[in-house]
Amino acid sequence: MKFNEKALRVKYMRLLEKFVKSCETILKLEDFNYLLFEKKITKIYQQIQKLDDLHLDSTYLNTLKSFTDFTIRILENEKMTTEEKRILLLKEVNQTRKQKNSTSYKKEKHKKQLYDD
């Protein structure tokens, strides 16, 4: 039973990553096609919906989940134009990537000594 839970968790996390990567890739295309975007994102979102919501410990994974929900809400918003949706989603996907990169290890090349010999 534990193995099955772990496999479902990994599948869920990978689908969230796939959702964000697909959003990023399509949104950054020069010849952006909103219908293609909506179709692809809805397809991945349906796969995510088939899985039960799992408890996510990582802040990054929670950010991915909230981005997924945000994207679906934006797609359902009929008051916004497609260009407004694109700009808003691009901003959010960049913030999500920024969150991921901020948690990665960065080496300090030059440490300043706090004391003198």
N, C-alpha and C. Protein backbone atom coordinates (compact mmCIF):
# COMPACT_ATOMS: atom_id res chain seq x y z
N MET A 1 0.82 -1.20 0.00
CA MET A 1 0.00 0.00 0.00
C MET A 1 0.86 1.26 0.00
N LYS A 2 1.96 1.25 0.77
CA LYS A 2 2.85 2.43 0.83
C LYS A 2 3.44 2.75 -0.53
N PHE A 3 3.82 1.70 -1.27
CA PHE A 3 4.42 1.91 -2.59
C PHE A 3 3.42 2.60 -3.52
N ASN A 4 2.18 2.16 -3.47
CA ASN A 4 1.14 2.75 -4.32
C ASN A 4 0.94 4.22 -3.98
N GLU A 5 0.93 4.58 -2.71
CA GLU A 5 0.79 5.98 -2.29
C GLU A 5 1.95 6.82 -2.80
N LYS A 6 3.15 6.25 -2.69
CA LYS A 6 4.33 6.98 -3.14
C LYS A 6 4.30 7.18 -4.66
N ALA A 7 3.89 6.16 -5.39
CA ALA A 7 3.80 6.25 -6.84
C ALA A 7 2.77 7.29 -7.26
N LEU A 8 1.63 7.33 -6.56
CA LEU A 8 0.60 8.33 -6.86
C LEU A 8 1.10 9.74 -6.57
N ARG A 9 1.85 9.86 -5.48
CA ARG A 9 2.41 11.17 -5.10
C ARG A 9 3.38 11.68 -6.16
N VAL A 10 4.25 10.78 -6.62
CA VAL A 10 5.23 11.15 -7.66
C VAL A 10 4.51 11.52 -8.95
N LYS A 11 3.49 10.75 -9.31
CA LYS A 11 2.72 11.03 -10.53
C LYS A 11 2.06 12.40 -10.42
N TYR A 12 1.49 12.70 -9.27
CA TYR A 12 0.83 13.99 -9.03
C TYR A 12 1.82 15.14 -9.18
N MET A 13 2.99 14.99 -8.57
CA MET A 13 4.01 16.04 -8.64
C MET A 13 4.49 16.24 -10.07
N ARG A 14 4.67 15.16 -10.80
CA ARG A 14 5.13 15.26 -12.19
C ARG A 14 4.09 15.93 -13.08
N LEU A 15 2.82 15.64 -12.81
CA LEU A 15 1.76 16.29 -13.59
C LEU A 15 1.71 17.78 -13.32
N LEU A 16 1.92 18.17 -12.06
CA LEU A 16 1.97 19.60 -11.74
C LEU A 16 3.11 20.28 -12.48
N GLU A 17 4.27 19.63 -12.47
CA GLU A 17 5.44 20.17 -13.18
C GLU A 17 5.15 20.26 -14.69
N LYS A 18 4.54 19.22 -15.23
CA LYS A 18 4.22 19.21 -16.66
C LYS A 18 3.26 20.34 -17.00
N PHE A 19 2.30 20.58 -16.13
CA PHE A 19 1.32 21.65 -16.34
C PHE A 19 2.04 22.99 -16.44
N VAL A 20 2.91 23.27 -15.48
CA VAL A 20 3.61 24.56 -15.46
C VAL A 20 4.55 24.69 -16.65
N LYS A 21 5.28 23.63 -16.97
CA LYS A 21 6.20 23.69 -18.11
C LYS A 21 5.45 23.90 -19.43
N SER A 22 4.32 23.23 -19.57
CA SER A 22 3.52 23.40 -20.79
C SER A 22 3.00 24.83 -20.90
N CYS A 23 2.52 25.35 -19.78
CA CYS A 23 2.06 26.74 -19.76
C CYS A 23 3.17 27.67 -20.20
N GLU A 24 4.32 27.51 -19.59
CA GLU A 24 5.46 28.37 -19.87
C GLU A 24 5.85 28.30 -21.35
N THR A 25 5.95 27.10 -21.87
CA THR A 25 6.37 26.91 -23.25
C THR A 25 5.40 27.56 -24.24
N ILE A 26 4.12 27.30 -24.05
CA ILE A 26 3.13 27.83 -25.00
C ILE A 26 2.98 29.34 -24.86
N LEU A 27 3.01 29.84 -23.64
CA LEU A 27 2.84 31.28 -23.42
C LEU A 27 3.99 32.09 -24.01
N LYS A 28 5.17 31.52 -24.06
CA LYS A 28 6.34 32.25 -24.56
C LYS A 28 6.51 32.16 -26.07
N LEU A 29 5.66 31.42 -26.74
CA LEU A 29 5.75 31.33 -28.20
C LEU A 29 5.41 32.67 -28.83
N GLU A 30 6.12 33.00 -29.89
CA GLU A 30 5.85 34.25 -30.59
C GLU A 30 4.50 34.20 -31.29
N ASP A 31 4.17 33.05 -31.86
CA ASP A 31 2.87 32.90 -32.51
C ASP A 31 1.90 32.17 -31.57
N PHE A 32 1.64 32.82 -30.45
CA PHE A 32 0.79 32.27 -29.39
C PHE A 32 -0.62 32.02 -29.92
N ASN A 33 -1.10 30.80 -29.68
CA ASN A 33 -2.44 30.43 -30.10
C ASN A 33 -3.24 30.09 -28.85
N TYR A 34 -4.21 30.92 -28.52
CA TYR A 34 -4.97 30.76 -27.29
C TYR A 34 -5.76 29.45 -27.27
N LEU A 35 -6.34 29.06 -28.39
CA LEU A 35 -7.14 27.83 -28.43
C LEU A 35 -6.27 26.59 -28.20
N LEU A 36 -5.08 26.59 -28.79
CA LEU A 36 -4.13 25.50 -28.56
C LEU A 36 -3.74 25.44 -27.08
N PHE A 37 -3.46 26.62 -26.52
CA PHE A 37 -3.09 26.72 -25.11
C PHE A 37 -4.20 26.16 -24.23
N GLU A 38 -5.41 26.61 -24.46
CA GLU A 38 -6.54 26.18 -23.63
C GLU A 38 -6.77 24.67 -23.74
N LYS A 39 -6.65 24.15 -24.95
CA LYS A 39 -6.86 22.71 -25.17
C LYS A 39 -5.81 21.88 -24.44
N LYS A 40 -4.55 22.26 -24.59
CA LYS A 40 -3.45 21.50 -23.97
C LYS A 40 -3.52 21.58 -22.44
N ILE A 41 -3.76 22.75 -21.91
CA ILE A 41 -3.80 22.95 -20.46
C ILE A 41 -4.99 22.22 -19.85
N THR A 42 -6.12 22.26 -20.52
CA THR A 42 -7.31 21.57 -20.02
C THR A 42 -7.09 20.06 -19.99
N LYS A 43 -6.40 19.55 -20.99
CA LYS A 43 -6.11 18.11 -21.05
C LYS A 43 -5.25 17.68 -19.87
N ILE A 44 -4.20 18.43 -19.58
CA ILE A 44 -3.32 18.09 -18.46
C ILE A 44 -4.06 18.27 -17.13
N TYR A 45 -4.88 19.32 -17.05
CA TYR A 45 -5.63 19.58 -15.82
C TYR A 45 -6.62 18.44 -15.54
N GLN A 46 -7.21 17.87 -16.56
CA GLN A 46 -8.12 16.75 -16.37
C GLN A 46 -7.38 15.53 -15.81
N GLN A 47 -6.14 15.33 -16.24
CA GLN A 47 -5.33 14.25 -15.69
C GLN A 47 -5.05 14.49 -14.21
N ILE A 48 -4.78 15.75 -13.85
CA ILE A 48 -4.52 16.09 -12.45
C ILE A 48 -5.78 15.85 -11.63
N GLN A 49 -6.93 16.20 -12.17
CA GLN A 49 -8.20 16.06 -11.46
C GLN A 49 -8.54 14.59 -11.19
N LYS A 50 -8.08 13.69 -12.05
CA LYS A 50 -8.35 12.26 -11.85
C LYS A 50 -7.67 11.74 -10.58
N LEU A 51 -6.56 12.36 -10.23
CA LEU A 51 -5.85 11.96 -9.01
C LEU A 51 -6.42 12.73 -7.83
N ASP A 52 -6.40 12.11 -6.68
CA ASP A 52 -6.86 12.81 -5.48
C ASP A 52 -5.84 13.88 -5.11
N ASP A 53 -6.34 14.96 -4.51
CA ASP A 53 -5.42 15.98 -4.01
C ASP A 53 -4.58 15.38 -2.89
N LEU A 54 -3.30 15.54 -3.00
CA LEU A 54 -2.39 15.00 -2.00
C LEU A 54 -1.82 16.13 -1.16
N HIS A 55 -1.43 15.78 0.05
CA HIS A 55 -0.80 16.77 0.92
C HIS A 55 0.62 17.02 0.41
N LEU A 56 0.92 18.28 0.13
CA LEU A 56 2.23 18.64 -0.39
C LEU A 56 3.01 19.38 0.69
N ASP A 57 4.18 18.87 1.00
CA ASP A 57 4.99 19.46 2.06
C ASP A 57 5.82 20.64 1.57
N SER A 58 6.29 20.57 0.38
CA SER A 58 7.20 21.57 -0.17
C SER A 58 6.48 22.86 -0.54
N THR A 59 7.11 23.97 -0.27
CA THR A 59 6.54 25.27 -0.65
C THR A 59 6.47 25.37 -2.17
N TYR A 60 7.47 24.85 -2.82
CA TYR A 60 7.49 24.88 -4.28
C TYR A 60 6.31 24.10 -4.86
N LEU A 61 6.05 22.92 -4.34
CA LEU A 61 4.93 22.12 -4.83
C LEU A 61 3.59 22.79 -4.55
N ASN A 62 3.49 23.44 -3.41
CA ASN A 62 2.27 24.20 -3.12
C ASN A 62 2.11 25.36 -4.10
N THR A 63 3.22 25.96 -4.48
CA THR A 63 3.20 27.04 -5.47
C THR A 63 2.72 26.51 -6.82
N LEU A 64 3.18 25.31 -7.18
CA LEU A 64 2.74 24.70 -8.44
C LEU A 64 1.23 24.44 -8.41
N LYS A 65 0.75 23.93 -7.30
CA LYS A 65 -0.68 23.64 -7.15
C LYS A 65 -1.50 24.93 -7.23
N SER A 66 -1.05 25.96 -6.54
CA SER A 66 -1.80 27.22 -6.58
C SER A 66 -1.74 27.85 -7.97
N PHE A 67 -0.61 27.70 -8.69
CA PHE A 67 -0.52 28.20 -10.06
C PHE A 67 -1.51 27.47 -10.96
N THR A 68 -1.62 26.17 -10.77
CA THR A 68 -2.55 25.36 -11.55
C THR A 68 -3.98 25.85 -11.35
N ASP A 69 -4.37 26.05 -10.10
CA ASP A 69 -5.72 26.54 -9.80
C ASP A 69 -5.93 27.94 -10.36
N PHE A 70 -4.93 28.79 -10.22
CA PHE A 70 -5.00 30.16 -10.73
C PHE A 70 -5.20 30.17 -12.25
N THR A 71 -4.46 29.33 -12.94
CA THR A 71 -4.54 29.26 -14.39
C THR A 71 -5.94 28.86 -14.84
N ILE A 72 -6.52 27.89 -14.19
CA ILE A 72 -7.87 27.45 -14.55
C ILE A 72 -8.88 28.56 -14.30
N ARG A 73 -8.72 29.28 -13.20
CA ARG A 73 -9.63 30.41 -12.92
C ARG A 73 -9.50 31.49 -13.99
N ILE A 74 -8.29 31.76 -14.42
CA ILE A 74 -8.06 32.77 -15.46
C ILE A 74 -8.68 32.32 -16.79
N LEU A 75 -8.53 31.05 -17.13
CA LEU A 75 -9.11 30.55 -18.37
C LEU A 75 -10.63 30.65 -18.36
N GLU A 76 -11.23 30.48 -17.20
CA GLU A 76 -12.69 30.55 -17.09
C GLU A 76 -13.20 31.98 -17.04
N ASN A 77 -12.33 32.94 -16.81
CA ASN A 77 -12.73 34.34 -16.73
C ASN A 77 -13.04 34.87 -18.13
N GLU A 78 -14.27 35.24 -18.34
CA GLU A 78 -14.68 35.71 -19.67
C GLU A 78 -14.56 37.21 -19.84
N LYS A 79 -14.26 37.92 -18.77
CA LYS A 79 -14.17 39.38 -18.83
C LYS A 79 -12.82 39.85 -19.38
N MET A 80 -11.84 39.00 -19.33
CA MET A 80 -10.49 39.37 -19.78
C MET A 80 -10.28 38.98 -21.24
N THR A 81 -9.45 39.76 -21.92
CA THR A 81 -9.08 39.41 -23.29
C THR A 81 -8.00 38.33 -23.25
N THR A 82 -7.77 37.70 -24.38
CA THR A 82 -6.76 36.65 -24.42
C THR A 82 -5.36 37.21 -24.15
N GLU A 83 -5.10 38.41 -24.61
CA GLU A 83 -3.79 39.02 -24.37
C GLU A 83 -3.60 39.35 -22.90
N GLU A 84 -4.63 39.82 -22.24
CA GLU A 84 -4.55 40.10 -20.79
C GLU A 84 -4.29 38.81 -20.02
N LYS A 85 -4.97 37.75 -20.43
CA LYS A 85 -4.76 36.45 -19.78
C LYS A 85 -3.32 35.99 -19.97
N ARG A 86 -2.83 36.15 -21.19
CA ARG A 86 -1.47 35.72 -21.49
C ARG A 86 -0.45 36.48 -20.64
N ILE A 87 -0.60 37.78 -20.56
CA ILE A 87 0.34 38.60 -19.78
C ILE A 87 0.31 38.22 -18.31
N LEU A 88 -0.88 38.06 -17.78
CA LEU A 88 -1.03 37.70 -16.37
C LEU A 88 -0.46 36.32 -16.07
N LEU A 89 -0.73 35.37 -16.96
CA LEU A 89 -0.20 34.01 -16.75
C LEU A 89 1.31 33.95 -16.93
N LEU A 90 1.85 34.73 -17.86
CA LEU A 90 3.30 34.79 -18.01
C LEU A 90 3.97 35.33 -16.75
N LYS A 91 3.36 36.35 -16.18
CA LYS A 91 3.89 36.91 -14.94
C LYS A 91 3.89 35.86 -13.83
N GLU A 92 2.80 35.13 -13.72
CA GLU A 92 2.69 34.11 -12.68
C GLU A 92 3.64 32.94 -12.90
N VAL A 93 3.81 32.53 -14.15
CA VAL A 93 4.71 31.42 -14.42
C VAL A 93 6.15 31.84 -14.12
N ASN A 94 6.48 33.09 -14.38
CA ASN A 94 7.82 33.58 -14.05
C ASN A 94 8.03 33.63 -12.54
N GLN A 95 7.00 34.00 -11.80
CA GLN A 95 7.09 34.00 -10.33
C GLN A 95 7.27 32.57 -9.80
N THR A 96 6.60 31.64 -10.43
CA THR A 96 6.73 30.23 -10.03
C THR A 96 8.15 29.74 -10.27
N ARG A 97 8.70 30.07 -11.41
CA ARG A 97 10.08 29.69 -11.72
C ARG A 97 11.07 30.37 -10.76
N LYS A 98 10.78 31.60 -10.44
CA LYS A 98 11.62 32.34 -9.50
C LYS A 98 11.62 31.64 -8.14
N GLN A 99 10.46 31.16 -7.72
CA GLN A 99 10.33 30.42 -6.47
C GLN A 99 11.20 29.17 -6.50
N LYS A 100 11.19 28.45 -7.62
CA LYS A 100 11.98 27.24 -7.75
C LYS A 100 13.47 27.55 -7.68
N ASN A 101 13.87 28.60 -8.40
CA ASN A 101 15.29 28.95 -8.44
C ASN A 101 15.80 29.51 -7.12
N SER A 102 14.95 30.12 -6.34
CA SER A 102 15.39 30.70 -5.07
C SER A 102 15.70 29.62 -4.04
N THR A 103 15.10 28.44 -4.21
CA THR A 103 15.36 27.37 -3.25
C THR A 103 16.58 26.55 -3.61
N SER A 104 17.12 26.73 -4.80
CA SER A 104 18.30 25.96 -5.19
C SER A 104 19.53 26.52 -4.49
N TYR A 105 20.49 25.65 -4.30
CA TYR A 105 21.71 26.01 -3.59
C TYR A 105 22.55 26.95 -4.42
N LYS A 106 23.01 28.00 -3.79
CA LYS A 106 23.91 28.94 -4.45
C LYS A 106 25.18 29.06 -3.61
N LYS A 107 26.30 28.83 -4.25
CA LYS A 107 27.57 28.84 -3.56
C LYS A 107 28.05 30.28 -3.36
N GLU A 108 28.46 30.57 -2.14
CA GLU A 108 29.07 31.87 -1.88
C GLU A 108 30.55 31.75 -2.21
N LYS A 109 31.00 32.47 -3.20
CA LYS A 109 32.39 32.34 -3.62
C LYS A 109 33.34 33.11 -2.71
N HIS A 110 32.87 34.21 -2.23
CA HIS A 110 33.74 35.04 -1.41
C HIS A 110 33.04 35.32 -0.09
N LYS A 111 33.51 34.63 0.95
CA LYS A 111 32.93 34.87 2.27
C LYS A 111 33.79 35.89 2.99
N LYS A 112 33.15 36.81 3.61
CA LYS A 112 33.86 37.84 4.35
C LYS A 112 34.08 37.33 5.77
N GLN A 113 35.31 37.45 6.24
CA GLN A 113 35.59 37.00 7.59
C GLN A 113 35.07 38.01 8.59
N LEU A 114 34.49 37.50 9.66
CA LEU A 114 33.90 38.36 10.67
C LEU A 114 34.90 38.81 11.72
N TYR A 115 36.02 38.18 11.74
CA TYR A 115 37.00 38.54 12.76
C TYR A 115 38.38 38.75 12.12
N ASP A 116 39.21 39.53 12.77
CA ASP A 116 40.57 39.79 12.27
C ASP A 116 41.55 38.98 13.09
N ASP A 117 42.57 38.47 12.41
CA ASP A 117 43.61 37.70 13.11
C ASP A 117 44.65 38.58 13.71
